[in-house]
Every structure is written in structure tokens, then in C-alpha cells.
C-alpha atoms as a PDB file:
ATOM      1  CA  MET A   1      20.845  35.238 -55.603  1.00  0.00           C
ATOM      2  CA  SER A   2      21.630  32.639 -52.924  1.00  0.00           C
ATOM      3  CA  ALA A   3      20.880  33.299 -49.267  1.00  0.00           C
ATOM      4  CA  GLU A   4      24.607  33.080 -48.471  1.00  0.00           C
ATOM      5  CA  SER A   5      25.504  35.599 -51.174  1.00  0.00           C
ATOM      6  CA  ASN A   6      22.759  37.952 -50.020  1.00  0.00           C
ATOM      7  CA  LYS A   7      24.009  37.692 -46.448  1.00  0.00           C
ATOM      8  CA  LYS A   8      27.563  38.644 -47.495  1.00  0.00           C
ATOM      9  CA  ARG A   9      26.365  41.629 -49.489  1.00  0.00           C
ATOM     10  CA  LEU A  10      24.207  42.831 -46.623  1.00  0.00           C
ATOM     11  CA  GLY A  11      27.171  42.404 -44.289  1.00  0.00           C
ATOM     12  CA  LEU A  12      29.321  44.621 -46.520  1.00  0.00           C
ATOM     13  CA  VAL A  13      26.742  47.415 -46.422  1.00  0.00           C
ATOM     14  CA  GLN A  14      26.288  47.135 -42.663  1.00  0.00           C
ATOM     15  CA  SER A  15      30.051  47.192 -42.100  1.00  0.00           C
ATOM     16  CA  ILE A  16      30.495  50.354 -44.164  1.00  0.00           C
ATOM     17  CA  GLU A  17      27.608  52.057 -42.368  1.00  0.00           C
ATOM     18  CA  ARG A  18      29.051  51.029 -38.994  1.00  0.00           C
ATOM     19  CA  TRP A  19      32.538  52.314 -39.864  1.00  0.00           C
ATOM     20  CA  ALA A  20      31.066  55.540 -41.246  1.00  0.00           C
ATOM     21  CA  ALA A  21      29.398  56.106 -37.868  1.00  0.00           C
ATOM     22  CA  SER A  22      32.239  55.014 -35.585  1.00  0.00           C
ATOM     23  CA  LEU A  23      35.329  55.856 -37.710  1.00  0.00           C
ATOM     24  CA  PRO A  24      34.074  58.552 -40.106  1.00  0.00           C
ATOM     25  CA  ASP A  25      37.502  60.009 -40.892  1.00  0.00           C
ATOM     26  CA  SER A  26      39.270  56.702 -41.450  1.00  0.00           C
ATOM     27  CA  VAL A  27      40.387  56.081 -45.019  1.00  0.00           C
ATOM     28  CA  ALA A  28      38.214  53.655 -46.940  1.00  0.00           C
ATOM     29  CA  LEU A  29      39.651  54.151 -50.443  1.00  0.00           C
ATOM     30  CA  ARG A  30      42.733  55.650 -52.024  1.00  0.00           C
ATOM     31  CA  PHE A  31      42.653  56.693 -55.654  1.00  0.00           C
ATOM     32  CA  GLU A  32      45.290  58.684 -57.549  1.00  0.00           C
ATOM     33  CA  GLY A  33      46.628  60.206 -54.335  1.00  0.00           C
ATOM     34  CA  GLU A  34      43.182  61.082 -52.972  1.00  0.00           C
ATOM     35  CA  ALA A  35      41.988  59.618 -49.672  1.00  0.00           C
ATOM     36  CA  ILE A  36      38.253  58.891 -49.418  1.00  0.00           C
ATOM     37  CA  THR A  37      36.893  58.383 -45.920  1.00  0.00           C
ATOM     38  CA  TYR A  38      34.202  55.966 -44.803  1.00  0.00           C
ATOM     39  CA  LYS A  39      31.935  58.942 -44.165  1.00  0.00           C
ATOM     40  CA  GLU A  40      32.372  60.142 -47.754  1.00  0.00           C
ATOM     41  CA  LEU A  41      31.957  56.638 -49.147  1.00  0.00           C
ATOM     42  CA  ASN A  42      28.722  56.074 -47.259  1.00  0.00           C
ATOM     43  CA  LEU A  43      27.402  59.511 -48.263  1.00  0.00           C
ATOM     44  CA  ARG A  44      28.092  58.891 -51.966  1.00  0.00           C
ATOM     45  CA  ALA A  45      26.580  55.412 -51.755  1.00  0.00           C
ATOM     46  CA  ASN A  46      23.445  56.890 -50.163  1.00  0.00           C
ATOM     47  CA  GLN A  47      23.232  59.413 -53.007  1.00  0.00           C
ATOM     48  CA  VAL A  48      23.418  56.575 -55.531  1.00  0.00           C
ATOM     49  CA  ALA A  49      20.758  54.600 -53.653  1.00  0.00           C
ATOM     50  CA  ASN A  50      18.428  57.607 -53.481  1.00  0.00           C
ATOM     51  CA  GLY A  51      18.949  58.355 -57.149  1.00  0.00           C
ATOM     52  CA  LEU A  52      18.209  54.786 -58.203  1.00  0.00           C
ATOM     53  CA  GLN A  53      15.171  54.679 -55.945  1.00  0.00           C
ATOM     54  CA  GLY A  54      13.929  57.844 -57.612  1.00  0.00           C
ATOM     55  CA  LEU A  55      14.141  56.030 -60.957  1.00  0.00           C
ATOM     56  CA  GLY A  56      11.939  53.266 -59.611  1.00  0.00           C
ATOM     57  CA  VAL A  57      14.642  50.682 -58.870  1.00  0.00           C
ATOM     58  CA  GLU A  58      13.383  48.185 -56.311  1.00  0.00           C
ATOM     59  CA  LYS A  59      14.644  45.164 -54.395  1.00  0.00           C
ATOM     60  CA  GLY A  60      15.622  42.401 -56.802  1.00  0.00           C
ATOM     61  CA  ASP A  61      15.988  44.657 -59.854  1.00  0.00           C
ATOM     62  CA  ARG A  62      19.178  44.241 -61.866  1.00  0.00           C
ATOM     63  CA  VAL A  63      21.607  47.173 -62.058  1.00  0.00           C
ATOM     64  CA  ALA A  64      24.455  46.669 -64.532  1.00  0.00           C
ATOM     65  CA  ILE A  65      27.794  48.343 -63.780  1.00  0.00           C
ATOM     66  CA  MET A  66      30.372  48.947 -66.501  1.00  0.00           C
ATOM     67  CA  LEU A  67      33.035  50.929 -64.675  1.00  0.00           C
ATOM     68  CA  PRO A  68      36.795  50.454 -64.290  1.00  0.00           C
ATOM     69  CA  ASN A  69      38.699  50.648 -60.997  1.00  0.00           C
ATOM     70  CA  ILE A  70      37.557  54.134 -59.984  1.00  0.00           C
ATOM     71  CA  PRO A  71      35.734  55.322 -56.822  1.00  0.00           C
ATOM     72  CA  GLU A  72      32.421  55.546 -58.683  1.00  0.00           C
ATOM     73  CA  PHE A  73      32.431  51.744 -58.995  1.00  0.00           C
ATOM     74  CA  VAL A  74      32.432  51.362 -55.209  1.00  0.00           C
ATOM     75  CA  TYR A  75      29.787  54.067 -54.719  1.00  0.00           C
ATOM     76  CA  VAL A  76      27.482  52.376 -57.231  1.00  0.00           C
ATOM     77  CA  LEU A  77      28.101  48.877 -55.890  1.00  0.00           C
ATOM     78  CA  VAL A  78      27.359  49.819 -52.281  1.00  0.00           C
ATOM     79  CA  GLY A  79      24.461  52.123 -53.183  1.00  0.00           C
ATOM     80  CA  THR A  80      22.802  49.397 -55.255  1.00  0.00           C
ATOM     81  CA  LEU A  81      23.192  46.876 -52.443  1.00  0.00           C
ATOM     82  CA  LYS A  82      21.599  49.325 -49.993  1.00  0.00           C
ATOM     83  CA  LEU A  83      18.394  49.059 -52.057  1.00  0.00           C
ATOM     84  CA  GLY A  84      18.538  45.277 -52.154  1.00  0.00           C
ATOM     85  CA  ALA A  85      18.950  45.414 -55.919  1.00  0.00           C
ATOM     86  CA  VAL A  86      21.196  42.942 -57.734  1.00  0.00           C
ATOM     87  CA  THR A  87      24.464  44.241 -59.161  1.00  0.00           C
ATOM     88  CA  VAL A  88      25.654  43.033 -62.564  1.00  0.00           C
ATOM     89  CA  PRO A  89      29.253  44.269 -62.882  1.00  0.00           C
ATOM     90  CA  PHE A  90      31.126  43.403 -66.066  1.00  0.00           C
ATOM     91  CA  ASN A  91      34.455  44.050 -67.736  1.00  0.00           C
ATOM     92  CA  THR A  92      35.008  47.434 -69.390  1.00  0.00           C
ATOM     93  CA  LEU A  93      36.984  45.675 -72.129  1.00  0.00           C
ATOM     94  CA  TYR A  94      33.845  43.977 -73.441  1.00  0.00           C
ATOM     95  CA  LYS A  95      32.660  44.962 -76.913  1.00  0.00           C
ATOM     96  CA  GLY A  96      29.190  45.544 -78.362  1.00  0.00           C
ATOM     97  CA  GLY A  97      28.118  41.892 -78.776  1.00  0.00           C
ATOM     98  CA  GLU A  98      29.312  40.909 -75.305  1.00  0.00           C
ATOM     99  CA  ILE A  99      27.621  43.919 -73.711  1.00  0.00           C
ATOM    100  CA  LEU A 100      24.393  43.151 -75.539  1.00  0.00           C
ATOM    101  CA  HIS A 101      24.428  39.517 -74.358  1.00  0.00           C
ATOM    102  CA  ILE A 102      25.031  40.423 -70.700  1.00  0.00           C
ATOM    103  CA  LEU A 103      22.362  43.120 -70.596  1.00  0.00           C
ATOM    104  CA  LYS A 104      19.824  40.873 -72.336  1.00  0.00           C
ATOM    105  CA  ASP A 105      20.599  37.839 -70.192  1.00  0.00           C
ATOM    106  CA  SER A 106      20.489  39.764 -66.907  1.00  0.00           C
ATOM    107  CA  GLY A 107      17.402  41.817 -67.795  1.00  0.00           C
ATOM    108  CA  ALA A 108      19.094  44.882 -66.304  1.00  0.00           C
ATOM    109  CA  ARG A 109      16.780  47.868 -65.854  1.00  0.00           C
ATOM    110  CA  VAL A 110      19.645  50.303 -65.299  1.00  0.00           C
ATOM    111  CA  LEU A 111      23.171  50.519 -66.679  1.00  0.00           C
ATOM    112  CA  ILE A 112      25.799  52.747 -65.061  1.00  0.00           C
ATOM    113  CA  ALA A 113      28.876  53.307 -67.219  1.00  0.00           C
ATOM    114  CA  LEU A 114      31.587  55.748 -68.181  1.00  0.00           C
ATOM    115  CA  THR A 115      30.516  58.578 -70.443  1.00  0.00           C
ATOM    116  CA  ASN A 116      32.956  57.212 -73.019  1.00  0.00           C
ATOM    117  CA  PHE A 117      30.784  54.164 -73.568  1.00  0.00           C
ATOM    118  CA  ALA A 118      27.709  56.179 -74.620  1.00  0.00           C
ATOM    119  CA  PRO A 119      28.087  55.652 -78.404  1.00  0.00           C
ATOM    120  CA  MET A 120      28.608  51.887 -78.011  1.00  0.00           C
ATOM    121  CA  ILE A 121      25.674  51.579 -75.588  1.00  0.00           C
ATOM    122  CA  ASN A 122      23.386  53.638 -77.824  1.00  0.00           C
ATOM    123  CA  GLU A 123      24.169  51.342 -80.737  1.00  0.00           C
ATOM    124  CA  THR A 124      22.800  48.327 -78.811  1.00  0.00           C
ATOM    125  CA  ARG A 125      20.009  49.998 -76.830  1.00  0.00           C
ATOM    126  CA  PRO A 126      17.208  49.467 -79.395  1.00  0.00           C
ATOM    127  CA  GLU A 127      17.626  45.726 -78.797  1.00  0.00           C
ATOM    128  CA  LEU A 128      17.265  46.077 -75.013  1.00  0.00           C
ATOM    129  CA  PRO A 129      13.622  46.835 -74.160  1.00  0.00           C
ATOM    130  CA  ALA A 130      14.174  46.027 -70.469  1.00  0.00           C
ATOM    131  CA  LEU A 131      16.895  48.673 -70.140  1.00  0.00           C
ATOM    132  CA  LYS A 132      15.033  51.767 -68.952  1.00  0.00           C
ATOM    133  CA  HIS A 133      17.871  54.021 -67.800  1.00  0.00           C
ATOM    134  CA  VAL A 134      21.500  54.601 -68.759  1.00  0.00           C
ATOM    135  CA  ILE A 135      23.506  56.655 -66.257  1.00  0.00           C
ATOM    136  CA  LEU A 136      26.886  58.000 -67.326  1.00  0.00           C
ATOM    137  CA  THR A 137      29.675  58.972 -64.946  1.00  0.00           C
ATOM    138  CA  GLY A 138      33.432  59.013 -64.445  1.00  0.00           C
ATOM    139  CA  GLU A 139      35.992  59.994 -67.081  1.00  0.00           C
ATOM    140  CA  ARG A 140      34.820  62.101 -69.990  1.00  0.00           C
ATOM    141  CA  ASN A 141      35.249  61.213 -73.624  1.00  0.00           C
ATOM    142  CA  LEU A 142      38.212  62.663 -75.487  1.00  0.00           C
ATOM    143  CA  LEU A 143      37.774  63.719 -79.083  1.00  0.00           C
ATOM    144  CA  PHE A 144      41.024  64.527 -80.815  1.00  0.00           C
ATOM    145  CA  ALA A 145      41.257  66.776 -83.844  1.00  0.00           C
ATOM    146  CA  HIS A 146      43.898  68.357 -86.033  1.00  0.00           C
ATOM    147  CA  PRO A 147      43.314  70.774 -88.922  1.00  0.00           C
ATOM    148  CA  GLU A 148      45.297  68.578 -91.316  1.00  0.00           C
ATOM    149  CA  SER A 149      43.426  65.399 -90.410  1.00  0.00           C
ATOM    150  CA  THR A 150      39.932  66.392 -89.334  1.00  0.00           C
ATOM    151  CA  ALA A 151      36.923  68.060 -90.920  1.00  0.00           C
ATOM    152  CA  PHE A 152      34.374  69.812 -88.679  1.00  0.00           C
ATOM    153  CA  ILE A 153      30.786  70.169 -89.834  1.00  0.00           C
ATOM    154  CA  GLN A 154      28.203  72.297 -88.035  1.00  0.00           C
ATOM    155  CA  LEU A 155      24.597  72.647 -89.146  1.00  0.00           C
ATOM    156  CA  VAL A 156      22.404  75.235 -87.415  1.00  0.00           C
ATOM    157  CA  LEU A 157      18.647  74.769 -87.756  1.00  0.00           C
ATOM    158  CA  PRO A 158      15.539  76.296 -86.168  1.00  0.00           C
ATOM    159  CA  GLY A 159      14.797  74.649 -82.826  1.00  0.00           C
ATOM    160  CA  ASP A 160      11.448  73.230 -83.971  1.00  0.00           C
ATOM    161  CA  PHE A 161      13.110  71.580 -86.970  1.00  0.00           C
ATOM    162  CA  ILE A 162      14.096  68.590 -84.827  1.00  0.00           C
ATOM    163  CA  LYS A 163      11.008  67.358 -83.006  1.00  0.00           C
ATOM    164  CA  ASP A 164      12.061  63.709 -82.846  1.00  0.00           C
ATOM    165  CA  VAL A 165      15.595  63.428 -81.482  1.00  0.00           C
ATOM    166  CA  ASP A 166      15.933  59.702 -82.259  1.00  0.00           C
ATOM    167  CA  GLY A 167      14.704  60.362 -85.782  1.00  0.00           C
ATOM    168  CA  ALA A 168      17.170  63.227 -86.181  1.00  0.00           C
ATOM    169  CA  TYR A 169      20.053  61.013 -85.082  1.00  0.00           C
ATOM    170  CA  GLU A 170      18.945  58.331 -87.517  1.00  0.00           C
ATOM    171  CA  LYS A 171      18.752  60.828 -90.364  1.00  0.00           C
ATOM    172  CA  MET A 172      22.112  62.443 -89.599  1.00  0.00           C
ATOM    173  CA  GLY A 173      23.758  59.047 -89.196  1.00  0.00           C
ATOM    174  CA  HIS A 174      22.677  57.982 -92.656  1.00  0.00           C
ATOM    175  CA  ILE A 175      23.676  61.337 -94.149  1.00  0.00           C
ATOM    176  CA  LEU A 176      27.194  60.865 -92.756  1.00  0.00           C
ATOM    177  CA  LEU A 177      27.165  57.294 -93.993  1.00  0.00           C
ATOM    178  CA  LYS A 178      26.290  58.532 -97.495  1.00  0.00           C
ATOM    179  CA  ILE A 179      29.131  61.089 -97.299  1.00  0.00           C
ATOM    180  CA  MET A 180      31.580  58.344 -96.341  1.00  0.00           C
ATOM    181  CA  ARG A 181      30.524  56.182 -99.271  1.00  0.00           C
ATOM    182  CA  GLU A 182      30.688  59.118-101.668  1.00  0.00           C
ATOM    183  CA  LEU A 183      34.288  59.619-100.507  1.00  0.00           C
ATOM    184  CA  GLY A 184      35.048  55.988-101.302  1.00  0.00           C
ATOM    185  CA  VAL A 185      34.681  54.330 -97.882  1.00  0.00           C
ATOM    186  CA  LYS A 186      32.509  51.384 -98.910  1.00  0.00           C
ATOM    187  CA  GLU A 187      32.606  49.394 -95.655  1.00  0.00           C
ATOM    188  CA  ALA A 188      31.358  52.193 -93.391  1.00  0.00           C
ATOM    189  CA  TRP A 189      28.303  51.408 -91.253  1.00  0.00           C
ATOM    190  CA  TYR A 190      25.975  53.136 -88.825  1.00  0.00           C
ATOM    191  CA  LYS A 191      23.583  51.587 -86.351  1.00  0.00           C
ATOM    192  CA  HIS A 192      22.218  53.977 -83.771  1.00  0.00           C
ATOM    193  CA  ARG A 193      23.130  57.308 -82.122  1.00  0.00           C
ATOM    194  CA  GLY A 194      26.843  57.841 -82.095  1.00  0.00           C
ATOM    195  CA  SER A 195      29.464  57.148 -84.663  1.00  0.00           C
ATOM    196  CA  ILE A 196      30.143  56.014 -88.180  1.00  0.00           C
ATOM    197  CA  ARG A 197      32.521  53.078 -88.088  1.00  0.00           C
ATOM    198  CA  VAL A 198      34.582  50.900 -90.365  1.00  0.00           C
ATOM    199  CA  ARG A 199      34.777  47.489 -88.717  1.00  0.00           C
ATOM    200  CA  GLY A 200      35.118  48.568 -85.070  1.00  0.00           C
ATOM    201  CA  GLU A 201      37.015  51.790 -85.716  1.00  0.00           C
ATOM    202  CA  LYS A 202      35.507  55.271 -85.628  1.00  0.00           C
ATOM    203  CA  ILE A 203      35.769  57.322 -88.828  1.00  0.00           C
ATOM    204  CA  ALA A 204      33.189  60.015 -88.013  1.00  0.00           C
ATOM    205  CA  THR A 205      31.069  61.068 -85.055  1.00  0.00           C
ATOM    206  CA  PHE A 206      28.348  63.599 -84.331  1.00  0.00           C
ATOM    207  CA  VAL A 207      26.129  65.044 -81.627  1.00  0.00           C
ATOM    208  CA  ILE A 208      22.797  66.853 -81.805  1.00  0.00           C
ATOM    209  CA  SER A 209      21.889  69.463 -79.198  1.00  0.00           C
ATOM    210  CA  GLU A 210      19.460  72.299 -78.670  1.00  0.00           C
ATOM    211  CA  VAL A 211      20.630  75.635 -77.293  1.00  0.00           C
ATOM    212  CA  GLU A 212      18.019  78.298 -76.555  1.00  0.00           C
ATOM    213  CA  GLY A 213      15.700  77.464 -79.417  1.00  0.00           C
ATOM    214  CA  ILE A 214      18.393  76.585 -81.947  1.00  0.00           C
ATOM    215  CA  ALA A 215      19.168  73.023 -83.040  1.00  0.00           C
ATOM    216  CA  LEU A 216      22.872  72.326 -83.525  1.00  0.00           C
ATOM    217  CA  ILE A 217      24.370  69.359 -85.328  1.00  0.00           C
ATOM    218  CA  ASN A 218      28.109  69.031 -84.865  1.00  0.00           C
ATOM    219  CA  ALA A 219      30.048  66.352 -86.715  1.00  0.00           C
ATOM    220  CA  VAL A 220      33.693  65.401 -86.978  1.00  0.00           C
ATOM    221  CA  VAL A 221      35.066  63.403 -89.909  1.00  0.00           C
ATOM    222  CA  PHE A 222      38.567  61.926 -89.905  1.00  0.00           C
ATOM    223  CA  LEU A 223      40.057  62.576 -93.343  1.00  0.00           C
ATOM    224  CA  GLY A 224      43.650  61.570 -92.578  1.00  0.00           C
ATOM    225  CA  PRO A 225      45.526  59.507 -89.968  1.00  0.00           C
ATOM    226  CA  LEU A 226      45.548  61.045 -86.503  1.00  0.00           C
ATOM    227  CA  ASP A 227      48.271  60.095 -84.041  1.00  0.00           C
ATOM    228  CA  THR A 228      46.942  60.598 -80.517  1.00  0.00           C
ATOM    229  CA  ARG A 229      50.275  59.999 -78.765  1.00  0.00           C
ATOM    230  CA  ASP A 230      51.182  63.679 -78.843  1.00  0.00           C
ATOM    231  CA  PHE A 231      47.891  64.548 -77.136  1.00  0.00           C
ATOM    232  CA  LEU A 232      48.410  61.934 -74.444  1.00  0.00           C
ATOM    233  CA  ARG A 233      51.717  63.504 -73.502  1.00  0.00           C
ATOM    234  CA  VAL A 234      49.812  66.500 -72.164  1.00  0.00           C
ATOM    235  CA  VAL A 235      46.374  64.979 -71.387  1.00  0.00           C
ATOM    236  CA  TRP A 236      46.861  62.276 -68.776  1.00  0.00           C
ATOM    237  CA  VAL A 237      44.537  59.295 -68.991  1.00  0.00           C
ATOM    238  CA  PRO A 238      44.575  56.407 -66.465  1.00  0.00           C
ATOM    239  CA  PRO A 239      46.068  53.347 -68.212  1.00  0.00           C
ATOM    240  CA  GLU A 240      43.177  51.067 -67.244  1.00  0.00           C
ATOM    241  CA  ILE A 241      40.673  53.118 -69.256  1.00  0.00           C
ATOM    242  CA  ARG A 242      42.897  54.536 -71.984  1.00  0.00           C
ATOM    243  CA  ASP A 243      41.674  52.041 -74.578  1.00  0.00           C
ATOM    244  CA  LYS A 244      38.100  53.217 -73.929  1.00  0.00           C
ATOM    245  CA  VAL A 245      38.726  56.938 -73.619  1.00  0.00           C
ATOM    246  CA  VAL A 246      40.751  56.874 -76.834  1.00  0.00           C
ATOM    247  CA  GLU A 247      38.741  54.810 -79.270  1.00  0.00           C
ATOM    248  CA  PRO A 248      40.439  53.085 -82.202  1.00  0.00           C
ATOM    249  CA  LEU A 249      40.315  55.516 -85.117  1.00  0.00           C
ATOM    250  CA  THR A 250      40.564  55.210 -88.858  1.00  0.00           C
ATOM    251  CA  SER A 251      40.280  57.765 -91.654  1.00  0.00           C
ATOM    252  CA  VAL A 252      39.184  58.211 -95.249  1.00  0.00           C
ATOM    253  CA  GLN A 253      42.822  58.157 -96.327  1.00  0.00           C
ATOM    254  CA  GLN A 254      43.560  54.925 -94.486  1.00  0.00           C
ATOM    255  CA  GLU A 255      40.504  53.216 -95.936  1.00  0.00           C
ATOM    256  CA  THR A 256      40.821  54.424 -99.535  1.00  0.00           C
ATOM    257  CA  GLY A 257      44.542  55.052 -99.885  1.00  0.00           C
ATOM    258  CA  LYS A 258      43.955  58.703-100.766  1.00  0.00           C
ATOM    259  CA  ARG A 259      43.073  61.786 -98.781  1.00  0.00           C
ATOM    260  CA  PRO A 260      40.188  63.651-100.435  1.00  0.00           C
ATOM    261  CA  LEU A 261      40.724  67.262-101.485  1.00  0.00           C
ATOM    262  CA  TRP A 262      38.903  69.811 -99.323  1.00  0.00           C
ATOM    263  CA  ASP A 263      36.752  71.044-102.230  1.00  0.00           C
ATOM    264  CA  GLN A 264      35.603  67.476-102.825  1.00  0.00           C
ATOM    265  CA  VAL A 265      34.738  67.058 -99.143  1.00  0.00           C
ATOM    266  CA  LYS A 266      32.845  70.357 -99.051  1.00  0.00           C
ATOM    267  CA  GLU A 267      30.824  69.604-102.180  1.00  0.00           C
ATOM    268  CA  THR A 268      29.975  66.106-100.954  1.00  0.00           C
ATOM    269  CA  VAL A 269      28.916  67.352 -97.509  1.00  0.00           C
ATOM    270  CA  VAL A 270      26.800  70.209 -98.862  1.00  0.00           C
ATOM    271  CA  ALA A 271      25.004  67.980-101.360  1.00  0.00           C
ATOM    272  CA  ALA A 272      24.260  65.296 -98.756  1.00  0.00           C
ATOM    273  CA  MET A 273      23.053  67.822 -96.148  1.00  0.00           C
ATOM    274  CA  GLU A 274      20.817  69.656 -98.591  1.00  0.00           C
ATOM    275  CA  LYS A 275      19.210  66.442 -99.793  1.00  0.00           C
ATOM    276  CA  GLY A 276      18.928  64.835 -96.358  1.00  0.00           C
ATOM    277  CA  PHE A 277      17.512  67.828 -94.472  1.00  0.00           C
ATOM    278  CA  GLN A 278      15.792  69.524 -97.426  1.00  0.00           C
ATOM    279  CA  VAL A 279      17.590  72.813 -96.798  1.00  0.00           C
ATOM    280  CA  GLU A 280      19.592  75.155 -98.982  1.00  0.00           C
ATOM    281  CA  ILE A 281      23.192  75.760 -97.962  1.00  0.00           C
ATOM    282  CA  LYS A 282      25.035  78.817 -99.264  1.00  0.00           C
ATOM    283  CA  GLU A 283      28.714  79.505 -98.795  1.00  0.00           C
ATOM    284  CA  GLY A 284      29.547  82.726 -96.999  1.00  0.00           C
ATOM    285  CA  SER A 285      29.752  84.321 -93.553  1.00  0.00           C
ATOM    286  CA  MET A 286      27.620  82.965 -90.747  1.00  0.00           C
ATOM    287  CA  VAL A 287      24.197  84.538 -90.414  1.00  0.00           C
ATOM    288  CA  ARG A 288      22.929  85.803 -87.067  1.00  0.00           C
ATOM    289  CA  ASP A 289      21.430  82.508 -85.819  1.00  0.00           C
ATOM    290  CA  GLU A 290      24.473  80.537 -86.923  1.00  0.00           C
ATOM    291  CA  LEU A 291      26.835  82.953 -85.211  1.00  0.00           C
ATOM    292  CA  PHE A 292      24.717  82.911 -82.063  1.00  0.00           C
ATOM    293  CA  GLY A 293      24.626  79.113 -82.043  1.00  0.00           C
ATOM    294  CA  TYR A 294      28.372  78.867 -82.529  1.00  0.00           C
ATOM    295  CA  GLU A 295      29.200  81.403 -79.801  1.00  0.00           C
ATOM    296  CA  LYS A 296      26.699  79.867 -77.387  1.00  0.00           C
ATOM    297  CA  LEU A 297      28.085  76.384 -77.884  1.00  0.00           C
ATOM    298  CA  ARG A 298      31.635  77.697 -77.545  1.00  0.00           C
ATOM    299  CA  SER A 299      30.787  79.460 -74.270  1.00  0.00           C
ATOM    300  CA  LEU A 300      29.244  76.270 -72.888  1.00  0.00           C
ATOM    301  CA  ALA A 301      32.347  74.297 -73.870  1.00  0.00           C
ATOM    302  CA  TYR A 302      34.573  76.663 -71.899  1.00  0.00           C
ATOM    303  CA  LYS A 303      32.225  77.087 -68.943  1.00  0.00           C
ATOM    304  CA  PRO A 304      34.085  76.369 -65.666  1.00  0.00           C
ATOM    305  CA  ARG A 305      33.023  73.156 -63.965  1.00  0.00           C
END
């Protein structure tokens, strides 16, 4: 960083701190009808700076920022500058290869991004040894589903069954990949934590969590085309991040020309799960642990925020 550039960045921080002290109620930012004062801006920036400092970020360290035009971008930018760290902001439209190049080239220790980018970041993270922390913020990911287009899979296992989370993600990813290929999707691929894709489009996704001693694996598979326009009529998404919140989707039907029958899907899933996790799956009502896991997860999903 040049001395002139460093001077400008320091001047920005000092100006915000001065305005926060002398004009605390003056509007610094406006976003979607909300007015954010200099006092609030400085407070949030201080919180970011303290949080990064707690992670060991020091003067000169690189902090990558992958955020659209939302207030969190300003908080992170100013907070990072307060520490004397170097900001590496980049376009939210970048794809996996571009993200990988920027993070490698900059040697960023921390990446701050929208929650929506988690699957894409996780797919590249094994190739980024310098990246120690990924912090997610801002808009939340949207996962659309419809009973005629989507299959839900939930596997409930004893909590000690999954001791290595990365290993569990790797195993589940390849189980889903096998299911896709059994259903005729030959070009499906999986890299690391997140989603099964065909080219760059998502065809299945999953998450692994632990709730009070029970391991839960929840997966969604897109069997038929899903039109998200109806959802977006009632769920408003800022235009500048819509292409990231709503990932490009494909389905088994679109890739093979035929939607699989439900019995075929069920048999394929059961066989792959039994072989992959070395468990026996029997059709029938949920047992106590399964019911508990389902209800617990459901209550967390509807917990007020």
C-alpha cells in the first residue's frame, strides 16, 4: 500500500470518528428507507474492528470483502481500516475461479461475505491455506422447494456417528453424487461442502448439523424444473444480489429429459445411504430419535429472530 493511499484511508476513518463525535445524529448512510447515523456507523465499525482483532487480525493483514451495496460493506471497510489492515474488496458477480485467484493472490487471512456465498466459498477453501476465517453476514440464502419438483431427504444418526464434520460432508457429497448418476445425471460433480452441481447450476444441496446429541443430515434434490418467479413475487430480494440469493438451478428432468418416478428415487436414495453410511433403513413411521430431531429442527427454523 502506498503512503498516499494509506493517508487517504486513515483520513476516512478519522473523519467518520470526528463526525460521530460532533454530529452523532447526522445521517451517514441511507439504505432501503433506513437512515444510519454517523454514531451508528462508527459503533458498527468498532464492533467489526474488535471482532477482527479477536481473530488475530493485525496491521497489514489482508481482509477480503465480498459484499454488495449494503451497510455491512461500509461497516467492514471502515472497521478493517481502523485496525490498519488492508481491505481486498471484490465484485459479488465473480465466480469460483475468479474468487480463488483473488484470495490466493492477495493472501487474505479473512473473508467477509454474504451467507449465500458459503457453498461457493467452501468449494474453493481447501486450496486456500492462508484463509483462516470466513465470516458470513447480510442477506440469507433462499432455498425454494415445491412438492412436485423437489425431494427432501433427512437422515437422523446418533450424535457420535459424525466425529469428523469435513469427512461427513465429503461422504454425503459423494453419496448424493452417486444418487444423481444412478438417476441418469452423468455430468454432476461435487467438490467440497455445499452442493451437487451440473456445470455451474445446483441440482442438489445438503447441510449437516447436530442438535442436542443427534446428527441431522438434510438434503434437497431437484427432480423437476422449479420456477422461482412466483416465490419472488412475495419474497422481496434486492435486485443487486438477486442472482446470488437465487442460484441458477437445474433438475434431473432437465438433465435427462425424464422425471424419475418417486419409487425409483426412494429406492436409489435408500440403497446409496445404506451403503455409504453402513446403516439399515426401514420404511415406516419415525422412531423417537427421528421424531425428536425433526421437531427440534423445525422449532429452530421457526424460532423468532
